[in-house]
Amino acid sequence: MKNEELMKKCESCTLNEDNDLMASCKSVLSDVKECKDDLGLSDEETETYLKMVENLRPQDVSKVLTLALKIRESGNIKNPDIKNDASRLIRAIEMS
């Protein structure tokens, strides 16, 4: 699935505490601090992402998806757990 298709699909995703999408979003967001330098994120951007973990809203899913796509495509991130979290979120959106 192309990135544009994923972005459109995430707009209609249901976000609640019991689904994989919520857990996947939170995993990706919690990884931000560890990979912020590899992604070129500022301290302010990193803080914004970290605050999303506490109060994730449906409109935030597209922002988290954008982050997950950057993580997946980055050659600088070597931690397989971070890459897996990003891939898990992308798959959750594809399957929704």
PDB file of N, CA and C in Angstrom:
ATOM      1  N   MET A   1       0.851  -1.181   0.000  1.00  0.00           N
ATOM      2  CA  MET A   1       0.000   0.000   0.000  1.00  0.00           C
ATOM      3  C   MET A   1       0.892   1.240   0.000  1.00  0.00           C
ATOM      4  N   LYS A   2       0.560   2.210  -0.826  1.00  0.00           N
ATOM      5  CA  LYS A   2       1.356   3.432  -0.928  1.00  0.00           C
ATOM      6  C   LYS A   2       1.087   4.351   0.260  1.00  0.00           C
ATOM      7  N   ASN A   3       2.049   5.225   0.506  1.00  0.00           N
ATOM      8  CA  ASN A   3       1.951   6.143   1.645  1.00  0.00           C
ATOM      9  C   ASN A   3       0.687   6.997   1.583  1.00  0.00           C
ATOM     10  N   GLU A   4       0.317   7.464   0.391  1.00  0.00           N
ATOM     11  CA  GLU A   4      -0.882   8.300   0.262  1.00  0.00           C
ATOM     12  C   GLU A   4      -2.136   7.503   0.623  1.00  0.00           C
ATOM     13  N   GLU A   5      -2.176   6.244   0.188  1.00  0.00           N
ATOM     14  CA  GLU A   5      -3.320   5.385   0.510  1.00  0.00           C
ATOM     15  C   GLU A   5      -3.404   5.136   2.015  1.00  0.00           C
ATOM     16  N   LEU A   6      -2.246   4.942   2.634  1.00  0.00           N
ATOM     17  CA  LEU A   6      -2.209   4.737   4.086  1.00  0.00           C
ATOM     18  C   LEU A   6      -2.731   5.970   4.826  1.00  0.00           C
ATOM     19  N   MET A   7      -2.331   7.150   4.362  1.00  0.00           N
ATOM     20  CA  MET A   7      -2.776   8.388   5.021  1.00  0.00           C
ATOM     21  C   MET A   7      -4.292   8.530   4.924  1.00  0.00           C
ATOM     22  N   LYS A   8      -4.856   8.218   3.774  1.00  0.00           N
ATOM     23  CA  LYS A   8      -6.311   8.300   3.622  1.00  0.00           C
ATOM     24  C   LYS A   8      -7.004   7.276   4.512  1.00  0.00           C
ATOM     25  N   LYS A   9      -6.439   6.079   4.556  1.00  0.00           N
ATOM     26  CA  LYS A   9      -7.052   5.010   5.337  1.00  0.00           C
ATOM     27  C   LYS A   9      -7.020   5.328   6.835  1.00  0.00           C
ATOM     28  N   CYS A  10      -5.954   5.958   7.295  1.00  0.00           N
ATOM     29  CA  CYS A  10      -5.845   6.229   8.734  1.00  0.00           C
ATOM     30  C   CYS A  10      -6.872   7.264   9.182  1.00  0.00           C
ATOM     31  N   GLU A  11      -7.390   8.064   8.265  1.00  0.00           N
ATOM     32  CA  GLU A  11      -8.413   9.048   8.615  1.00  0.00           C
ATOM     33  C   GLU A  11      -9.715   8.386   9.061  1.00  0.00           C
ATOM     34  N   SER A  12      -9.946   7.170   8.598  1.00  0.00           N
ATOM     35  CA  SER A  12     -11.188   6.482   8.955  1.00  0.00           C
ATOM     36  C   SER A  12     -10.973   5.403  10.016  1.00  0.00           C
ATOM     37  N   CYS A  13      -9.784   5.316  10.564  1.00  0.00           N
ATOM     38  CA  CYS A  13      -9.484   4.303  11.581  1.00  0.00           C
ATOM     39  C   CYS A  13     -10.194   4.616  12.901  1.00  0.00           C
ATOM     40  N   THR A  14     -10.594   3.560  13.564  1.00  0.00           N
ATOM     41  CA  THR A  14     -11.190   3.703  14.885  1.00  0.00           C
ATOM     42  C   THR A  14     -10.086   3.564  15.923  1.00  0.00           C
ATOM     43  N   LEU A  15     -10.056   4.505  16.837  1.00  0.00           N
ATOM     44  CA  LEU A  15      -9.017   4.527  17.857  1.00  0.00           C
ATOM     45  C   LEU A  15      -9.670   4.353  19.214  1.00  0.00           C
ATOM     46  N   ASN A  16      -9.394   3.233  19.881  1.00  0.00           N
ATOM     47  CA  ASN A  16      -9.871   3.052  21.250  1.00  0.00           C
ATOM     48  C   ASN A  16      -8.853   2.234  22.031  1.00  0.00           C
ATOM     49  N   GLU A  17      -9.013   2.227  23.331  1.00  0.00           N
ATOM     50  CA  GLU A  17      -8.024   1.591  24.218  1.00  0.00           C
ATOM     51  C   GLU A  17      -7.842   0.100  23.970  1.00  0.00           C
ATOM     52  N   ASP A  18      -8.834  -0.542  23.344  1.00  0.00           N
ATOM     53  CA  ASP A  18      -8.792  -1.993  23.192  1.00  0.00           C
ATOM     54  C   ASP A  18      -8.237  -2.471  21.859  1.00  0.00           C
ATOM     55  N   ASN A  19      -7.847  -1.562  20.969  1.00  0.00           N
ATOM     56  CA  ASN A  19      -7.410  -2.062  19.667  1.00  0.00           C
ATOM     57  C   ASN A  19      -5.904  -1.949  19.460  1.00  0.00           C
ATOM     58  N   ASP A  20      -5.430  -2.699  18.468  1.00  0.00           N
ATOM     59  CA  ASP A  20      -4.002  -2.741  18.160  1.00  0.00           C
ATOM     60  C   ASP A  20      -3.483  -1.397  17.679  1.00  0.00           C
ATOM     61  N   LEU A  21      -4.353  -0.633  17.045  1.00  0.00           N
ATOM     62  CA  LEU A  21      -3.934   0.656  16.522  1.00  0.00           C
ATOM     63  C   LEU A  21      -3.469   1.584  17.639  1.00  0.00           C
ATOM     64  N   MET A  22      -4.214   1.629  18.724  1.00  0.00           N
ATOM     65  CA  MET A  22      -3.851   2.473  19.872  1.00  0.00           C
ATOM     66  C   MET A  22      -2.512   2.021  20.452  1.00  0.00           C
ATOM     67  N   ALA A  23      -2.361   0.723  20.662  1.00  0.00           N
ATOM     68  CA  ALA A  23      -1.116   0.193  21.231  1.00  0.00           C
ATOM     69  C   ALA A  23       0.068   0.457  20.300  1.00  0.00           C
ATOM     70  N   SER A  24      -0.151   0.290  19.009  1.00  0.00           N
ATOM     71  CA  SER A  24       0.925   0.517  18.046  1.00  0.00           C
ATOM     72  C   SER A  24       1.332   1.987  17.993  1.00  0.00           C
ATOM     73  N   CYS A  25       0.354   2.880  18.029  1.00  0.00           N
ATOM     74  CA  CYS A  25       0.653   4.311  18.045  1.00  0.00           C
ATOM     75  C   CYS A  25       1.480   4.672  19.273  1.00  0.00           C
ATOM     76  N   LYS A  26       1.073   4.171  20.407  1.00  0.00           N
ATOM     77  CA  LYS A  26       1.789   4.480  21.646  1.00  0.00           C
ATOM     78  C   LYS A  26       3.211   3.929  21.623  1.00  0.00           C
ATOM     79  N   SER A  27       3.406   2.749  21.031  1.00  0.00           N
ATOM     80  CA  SER A  27       4.751   2.176  20.937  1.00  0.00           C
ATOM     81  C   SER A  27       5.657   3.038  20.079  1.00  0.00           C
ATOM     82  N   VAL A  28       5.136   3.470  18.942  1.00  0.00           N
ATOM     83  CA  VAL A  28       5.934   4.323  18.051  1.00  0.00           C
ATOM     84  C   VAL A  28       6.271   5.637  18.747  1.00  0.00           C
ATOM     85  N   LEU A  29       5.283   6.225  19.393  1.00  0.00           N
ATOM     86  CA  LEU A  29       5.515   7.499  20.076  1.00  0.00           C
ATOM     87  C   LEU A  29       6.526   7.369  21.205  1.00  0.00           C
ATOM     88  N   SER A  30       6.476   6.265  21.928  1.00  0.00           N
ATOM     89  CA  SER A  30       7.410   6.103  23.042  1.00  0.00           C
ATOM     90  C   SER A  30       8.844   5.867  22.562  1.00  0.00           C
ATOM     91  N   ASP A  31       9.017   5.473  21.299  1.00  0.00           N
ATOM     92  CA  ASP A  31      10.352   5.263  20.729  1.00  0.00           C
ATOM     93  C   ASP A  31      11.002   6.555  20.252  1.00  0.00           C
ATOM     94  N   VAL A  32      10.229   7.617  20.163  1.00  0.00           N
ATOM     95  CA  VAL A  32      10.701   8.870  19.565  1.00  0.00           C
ATOM     96  C   VAL A  32      11.959   9.398  20.222  1.00  0.00           C
ATOM     97  N   LYS A  33      12.006   9.369  21.512  1.00  0.00           N
ATOM     98  CA  LYS A  33      13.155   9.957  22.225  1.00  0.00           C
ATOM     99  C   LYS A  33      14.465   9.274  21.818  1.00  0.00           C
ATOM    100  N   GLU A  34      14.392   7.957  21.631  1.00  0.00           N
ATOM    101  CA  GLU A  34      15.597   7.201  21.298  1.00  0.00           C
ATOM    102  C   GLU A  34      16.083   7.464  19.862  1.00  0.00           C
ATOM    103  N   CYS A  35      15.167   7.785  18.962  1.00  0.00           N
ATOM    104  CA  CYS A  35      15.575   7.941  17.562  1.00  0.00           C
ATOM    105  C   CYS A  35      15.432   9.363  17.034  1.00  0.00           C
ATOM    106  N   LYS A  36      15.226  10.320  17.919  1.00  0.00           N
ATOM    107  CA  LYS A  36      14.985  11.706  17.484  1.00  0.00           C
ATOM    108  C   LYS A  36      16.145  12.277  16.686  1.00  0.00           C
ATOM    109  N   ASP A  37      17.372  11.993  17.078  1.00  0.00           N
ATOM    110  CA  ASP A  37      18.525  12.519  16.346  1.00  0.00           C
ATOM    111  C   ASP A  37      18.625  11.897  14.951  1.00  0.00           C
ATOM    112  N   ASP A  38      18.343  10.593  14.863  1.00  0.00           N
ATOM    113  CA  ASP A  38      18.395   9.908  13.568  1.00  0.00           C
ATOM    114  C   ASP A  38      17.341  10.442  12.603  1.00  0.00           C
ATOM    115  N   LEU A  39      16.221  10.920  13.142  1.00  0.00           N
ATOM    116  CA  LEU A  39      15.145  11.448  12.307  1.00  0.00           C
ATOM    117  C   LEU A  39      15.241  12.960  12.105  1.00  0.00           C
ATOM    118  N   GLY A  40      16.158  13.590  12.826  1.00  0.00           N
ATOM    119  CA  GLY A  40      16.330  15.034  12.712  1.00  0.00           C
ATOM    120  C   GLY A  40      15.215  15.824  13.376  1.00  0.00           C
ATOM    121  N   LEU A  41      14.650  15.281  14.449  1.00  0.00           N
ATOM    122  CA  LEU A  41      13.565  15.962  15.157  1.00  0.00           C
ATOM    123  C   LEU A  41      14.129  16.944  16.179  1.00  0.00           C
ATOM    124  N   SER A  42      13.484  18.082  16.297  1.00  0.00           N
ATOM    125  CA  SER A  42      13.882  19.059  17.315  1.00  0.00           C
ATOM    126  C   SER A  42      13.365  18.600  18.679  1.00  0.00           C
ATOM    127  N   ASP A  43      13.851  19.249  19.730  1.00  0.00           N
ATOM    128  CA  ASP A  43      13.376  18.927  21.077  1.00  0.00           C
ATOM    129  C   ASP A  43      11.880  19.214  21.200  1.00  0.00           C
ATOM    130  N   GLU A  44      11.410  20.297  20.565  1.00  0.00           N
ATOM    131  CA  GLU A  44       9.992  20.658  20.631  1.00  0.00           C
ATOM    132  C   GLU A  44       9.123  19.602  19.944  1.00  0.00           C
ATOM    133  N   GLU A  45       9.566  19.144  18.759  1.00  0.00           N
ATOM    134  CA  GLU A  45       8.815  18.099  18.048  1.00  0.00           C
ATOM    135  C   GLU A  45       8.769  16.819  18.877  1.00  0.00           C
ATOM    136  N   THR A  46       9.897  16.485  19.472  1.00  0.00           N
ATOM    137  CA  THR A  46       9.975  15.279  20.290  1.00  0.00           C
ATOM    138  C   THR A  46       9.015  15.377  21.471  1.00  0.00           C
ATOM    139  N   GLU A  47       8.993  16.516  22.145  1.00  0.00           N
ATOM    140  CA  GLU A  47       8.084  16.714  23.281  1.00  0.00           C
ATOM    141  C   GLU A  47       6.629  16.623  22.850  1.00  0.00           C
ATOM    142  N   THR A  48       6.309  17.173  21.687  1.00  0.00           N
ATOM    143  CA  THR A  48       4.942  17.105  21.177  1.00  0.00           C
ATOM    144  C   THR A  48       4.526  15.653  20.972  1.00  0.00           C
ATOM    145  N   TYR A  49       5.410  14.870  20.368  1.00  0.00           N
ATOM    146  CA  TYR A  49       5.114  13.449  20.166  1.00  0.00           C
ATOM    147  C   TYR A  49       4.962  12.715  21.489  1.00  0.00           C
ATOM    148  N   LEU A  50       5.832  13.010  22.439  1.00  0.00           N
ATOM    149  CA  LEU A  50       5.766  12.330  23.730  1.00  0.00           C
ATOM    150  C   LEU A  50       4.491  12.694  24.493  1.00  0.00           C
ATOM    151  N   LYS A  51       4.007  13.916  24.336  1.00  0.00           N
ATOM    152  CA  LYS A  51       2.752  14.315  24.983  1.00  0.00           C
ATOM    153  C   LYS A  51       1.553  13.613  24.357  1.00  0.00           C
ATOM    154  N   MET A  52       1.654  13.251  23.086  1.00  0.00           N
ATOM    155  CA  MET A  52       0.564  12.537  22.416  1.00  0.00           C
ATOM    156  C   MET A  52       0.292  11.177  23.064  1.00  0.00           C
ATOM    157  N   VAL A  53       1.321  10.574  23.626  1.00  0.00           N
ATOM    158  CA  VAL A  53       1.153   9.258  24.257  1.00  0.00           C
ATOM    159  C   VAL A  53       0.094   9.331  25.351  1.00  0.00           C
ATOM    160  N   GLU A  54       0.101  10.412  26.113  1.00  0.00           N
ATOM    161  CA  GLU A  54      -0.822  10.561  27.236  1.00  0.00           C
ATOM    162  C   GLU A  54      -2.260  10.802  26.800  1.00  0.00           C
ATOM    163  N   ASN A  55      -2.447  11.478  25.664  1.00  0.00           N
ATOM    164  CA  ASN A  55      -3.789  11.855  25.246  1.00  0.00           C
ATOM    165  C   ASN A  55      -3.921  11.705  23.733  1.00  0.00           C
ATOM    166  N   LEU A  56      -3.802  10.492  23.239  1.00  0.00           N
ATOM    167  CA  LEU A  56      -3.855  10.231  21.817  1.00  0.00           C
ATOM    168  C   LEU A  56      -5.279  10.393  21.293  1.00  0.00           C
ATOM    169  N   ARG A  57      -5.416  11.196  20.249  1.00  0.00           N
ATOM    170  CA  ARG A  57      -6.727  11.463  19.654  1.00  0.00           C
ATOM    171  C   ARG A  57      -6.747  10.916  18.227  1.00  0.00           C
ATOM    172  N   PRO A  58      -7.924  10.648  17.687  1.00  0.00           N
ATOM    173  CA  PRO A  58      -8.007  10.115  16.318  1.00  0.00           C
ATOM    174  C   PRO A  58      -7.268  10.977  15.285  1.00  0.00           C
ATOM    175  N   GLN A  59      -7.306  12.283  15.422  1.00  0.00           N
ATOM    176  CA  GLN A  59      -6.632  13.145  14.456  1.00  0.00           C
ATOM    177  C   GLN A  59      -5.106  13.070  14.562  1.00  0.00           C
ATOM    178  N   ASP A  60      -4.584  12.472  15.632  1.00  0.00           N
ATOM    179  CA  ASP A  60      -3.141  12.315  15.796  1.00  0.00           C
ATOM    180  C   ASP A  60      -2.592  11.115  15.025  1.00  0.00           C
ATOM    181  N   VAL A  61      -3.466  10.210  14.620  1.00  0.00           N
ATOM    182  CA  VAL A  61      -3.014   8.979  13.975  1.00  0.00           C
ATOM    183  C   VAL A  61      -2.220   9.282  12.704  1.00  0.00           C
ATOM    184  N   SER A  62      -2.651  10.259  11.931  1.00  0.00           N
ATOM    185  CA  SER A  62      -1.916  10.581  10.701  1.00  0.00           C
ATOM    186  C   SER A  62      -0.514  11.098  11.019  1.00  0.00           C
ATOM    187  N   LYS A  63      -0.373  11.844  12.102  1.00  0.00           N
ATOM    188  CA  LYS A  63       0.948  12.348  12.501  1.00  0.00           C
ATOM    189  C   LYS A  63       1.852  11.192  12.930  1.00  0.00           C
ATOM    190  N   VAL A  64       1.267  10.246  13.667  1.00  0.00           N
ATOM    191  CA  VAL A  64       2.048   9.093  14.120  1.00  0.00           C
ATOM    192  C   VAL A  64       2.404   8.212  12.926  1.00  0.00           C
ATOM    193  N   LEU A  65       1.482   8.086  11.979  1.00  0.00           N
ATOM    194  CA  LEU A  65       1.774   7.311  10.772  1.00  0.00           C
ATOM    195  C   LEU A  65       2.921   7.945   9.998  1.00  0.00           C
ATOM    196  N   THR A  66       2.918   9.254   9.855  1.00  0.00           N
ATOM    197  CA  THR A  66       4.009   9.952   9.173  1.00  0.00           C
ATOM    198  C   THR A  66       5.340   9.652   9.864  1.00  0.00           C
ATOM    199  N   LEU A  67       5.329   9.682  11.182  1.00  0.00           N
ATOM    200  CA  LEU A  67       6.530   9.354  11.949  1.00  0.00           C
ATOM    201  C   LEU A  67       6.954   7.904  11.702  1.00  0.00           C
ATOM    202  N   ALA A  68       5.999   6.986  11.711  1.00  0.00           N
ATOM    203  CA  ALA A  68       6.310   5.569  11.487  1.00  0.00           C
ATOM    204  C   ALA A  68       6.894   5.343  10.095  1.00  0.00           C
ATOM    205  N   LEU A  69       6.365   6.037   9.108  1.00  0.00           N
ATOM    206  CA  LEU A  69       6.919   5.917   7.751  1.00  0.00           C
ATOM    207  C   LEU A  69       8.350   6.436   7.688  1.00  0.00           C
ATOM    208  N   LYS A  70       8.625   7.539   8.388  1.00  0.00           N
ATOM    209  CA  LYS A  70      10.001   8.068   8.443  1.00  0.00           C
ATOM    210  C   LYS A  70      10.932   7.061   9.101  1.00  0.00           C
ATOM    211  N   ILE A  71      10.456   6.444  10.178  1.00  0.00           N
ATOM    212  CA  ILE A  71      11.271   5.449  10.892  1.00  0.00           C
ATOM    213  C   ILE A  71      11.555   4.263   9.982  1.00  0.00           C
ATOM    214  N   ARG A  72      10.511   3.778   9.323  1.00  0.00           N
ATOM    215  CA  ARG A  72      10.673   2.602   8.468  1.00  0.00           C
ATOM    216  C   ARG A  72      11.653   2.868   7.329  1.00  0.00           C
ATOM    217  N   GLU A  73      11.606   4.072   6.777  1.00  0.00           N
ATOM    218  CA  GLU A  73      12.432   4.393   5.616  1.00  0.00           C
ATOM    219  C   GLU A  73      13.830   4.895   5.982  1.00  0.00           C
ATOM    220  N   SER A  74      14.059   5.190   7.251  1.00  0.00           N
ATOM    221  CA  SER A  74      15.350   5.723   7.675  1.00  0.00           C
ATOM    222  C   SER A  74      16.418   4.635   7.685  1.00  0.00           C
ATOM    223  N   GLY A  75      17.526   4.960   7.073  1.00  0.00           N
ATOM    224  CA  GLY A  75      18.660   4.044   7.114  1.00  0.00           C
ATOM    225  C   GLY A  75      19.521   4.253   8.351  1.00  0.00           C
ATOM    226  N   ASN A  76      19.250   5.326   9.090  1.00  0.00           N
ATOM    227  CA  ASN A  76      20.050   5.657  10.269  1.00  0.00           C
ATOM    228  C   ASN A  76      19.618   4.892  11.513  1.00  0.00           C
ATOM    229  N   ILE A  77      18.392   4.445  11.565  1.00  0.00           N
ATOM    230  CA  ILE A  77      17.878   3.764  12.752  1.00  0.00           C
ATOM    231  C   ILE A  77      18.211   2.285  12.644  1.00  0.00           C
ATOM    232  N   LYS A  78      19.014   1.835  13.573  1.00  0.00           N
ATOM    233  CA  LYS A  78      19.484   0.448  13.549  1.00  0.00           C
ATOM    234  C   LYS A  78      18.761  -0.449  14.549  1.00  0.00           C
ATOM    235  N   ASN A  79      18.046   0.141  15.501  1.00  0.00           N
ATOM    236  CA  ASN A  79      17.350  -0.630  16.532  1.00  0.00           C
ATOM    237  C   ASN A  79      16.164  -1.369  15.907  1.00  0.00           C
ATOM    238  N   PRO A  80      16.211  -2.713  15.890  1.00  0.00           N
ATOM    239  CA  PRO A  80      15.133  -3.467  15.246  1.00  0.00           C
ATOM    240  C   PRO A  80      13.786  -3.325  15.965  1.00  0.00           C
ATOM    241  N   ASP A  81      13.796  -3.076  17.267  1.00  0.00           N
ATOM    242  CA  ASP A  81      12.540  -2.915  18.003  1.00  0.00           C
ATOM    243  C   ASP A  81      11.787  -1.667  17.552  1.00  0.00           C
ATOM    244  N   ILE A  82      12.523  -0.602  17.317  1.00  0.00           N
ATOM    245  CA  ILE A  82      11.909   0.644  16.844  1.00  0.00           C
ATOM    246  C   ILE A  82      11.350   0.442  15.437  1.00  0.00           C
ATOM    247  N   LYS A  83      12.124  -0.195  14.576  1.00  0.00           N
ATOM    248  CA  LYS A  83      11.659  -0.484  13.214  1.00  0.00           C
ATOM    249  C   LYS A  83      10.419  -1.379  13.248  1.00  0.00           C
ATOM    250  N   ASN A  84      10.422  -2.385  14.130  1.00  0.00           N
ATOM    251  CA  ASN A  84       9.280  -3.295  14.236  1.00  0.00           C
ATOM    252  C   ASN A  84       8.031  -2.572  14.731  1.00  0.00           C
ATOM    253  N   ASP A  85       8.190  -1.662  15.682  1.00  0.00           N
ATOM    254  CA  ASP A  85       7.036  -0.897  16.173  1.00  0.00           C
ATOM    255  C   ASP A  85       6.422  -0.072  15.042  1.00  0.00           C
ATOM    256  N   ALA A  86       7.269   0.549  14.233  1.00  0.00           N
ATOM    257  CA  ALA A  86       6.781   1.341  13.098  1.00  0.00           C
ATOM    258  C   ALA A  86       6.063   0.448  12.091  1.00  0.00           C
ATOM    259  N   SER A  87       6.643  -0.694  11.785  1.00  0.00           N
ATOM    260  CA  SER A  87       6.020  -1.620  10.833  1.00  0.00           C
ATOM    261  C   SER A  87       4.701  -2.167  11.364  1.00  0.00           C
ATOM    262  N   ARG A  88       4.639  -2.409  12.663  1.00  0.00           N
ATOM    263  CA  ARG A  88       3.407  -2.908  13.284  1.00  0.00           C
ATOM    264  C   ARG A  88       2.267  -1.891  13.143  1.00  0.00           C
ATOM    265  N   LEU A  89       2.582  -0.628  13.340  1.00  0.00           N
ATOM    266  CA  LEU A  89       1.561   0.420  13.185  1.00  0.00           C
ATOM    267  C   LEU A  89       1.090   0.485  11.739  1.00  0.00           C
ATOM    268  N   ILE A  90       2.018   0.454  10.815  1.00  0.00           N
ATOM    269  CA  ILE A  90       1.658   0.523   9.397  1.00  0.00           C
ATOM    270  C   ILE A  90       0.759  -0.660   9.027  1.00  0.00           C
ATOM    271  N   ARG A  91       1.094  -1.853   9.498  1.00  0.00           N
ATOM    272  CA  ARG A  91       0.254  -3.034   9.225  1.00  0.00           C
ATOM    273  C   ARG A  91      -1.123  -2.900   9.872  1.00  0.00           C
ATOM    274  N   ALA A  92      -1.170  -2.353  11.081  1.00  0.00           N
ATOM    275  CA  ALA A  92      -2.459  -2.189  11.760  1.00  0.00           C
ATOM    276  C   ALA A  92      -3.388  -1.270  10.961  1.00  0.00           C
ATOM    277  N   ILE A  93      -2.810  -0.229  10.366  1.00  0.00           N
ATOM    278  CA  ILE A  93      -3.620   0.679   9.545  1.00  0.00           C
ATOM    279  C   ILE A  93      -4.027  -0.014   8.255  1.00  0.00           C
ATOM    280  N   GLU A  94      -3.122  -0.759   7.664  1.00  0.00           N
ATOM    281  CA  GLU A  94      -3.464  -1.487   6.442  1.00  0.00           C
ATOM    282  C   GLU A  94      -4.600  -2.486   6.668  1.00  0.00           C
ATOM    283  N   MET A  95      -4.612  -3.106   7.831  1.00  0.00           N
ATOM    284  CA  MET A  95      -5.597  -4.135   8.133  1.00  0.00           C
ATOM    285  C   MET A  95      -6.935  -3.571   8.632  1.00  0.00           C
ATOM    286  N   SER A  96      -6.951  -2.294   8.998  1.00  0.00           N
ATOM    287  CA  SER A  96      -8.187  -1.745   9.555  1.00  0.00           C
ATOM    288  C   SER A  96      -9.238  -1.474   8.491  1.00  0.00           C
TER     289      SER A  96
END
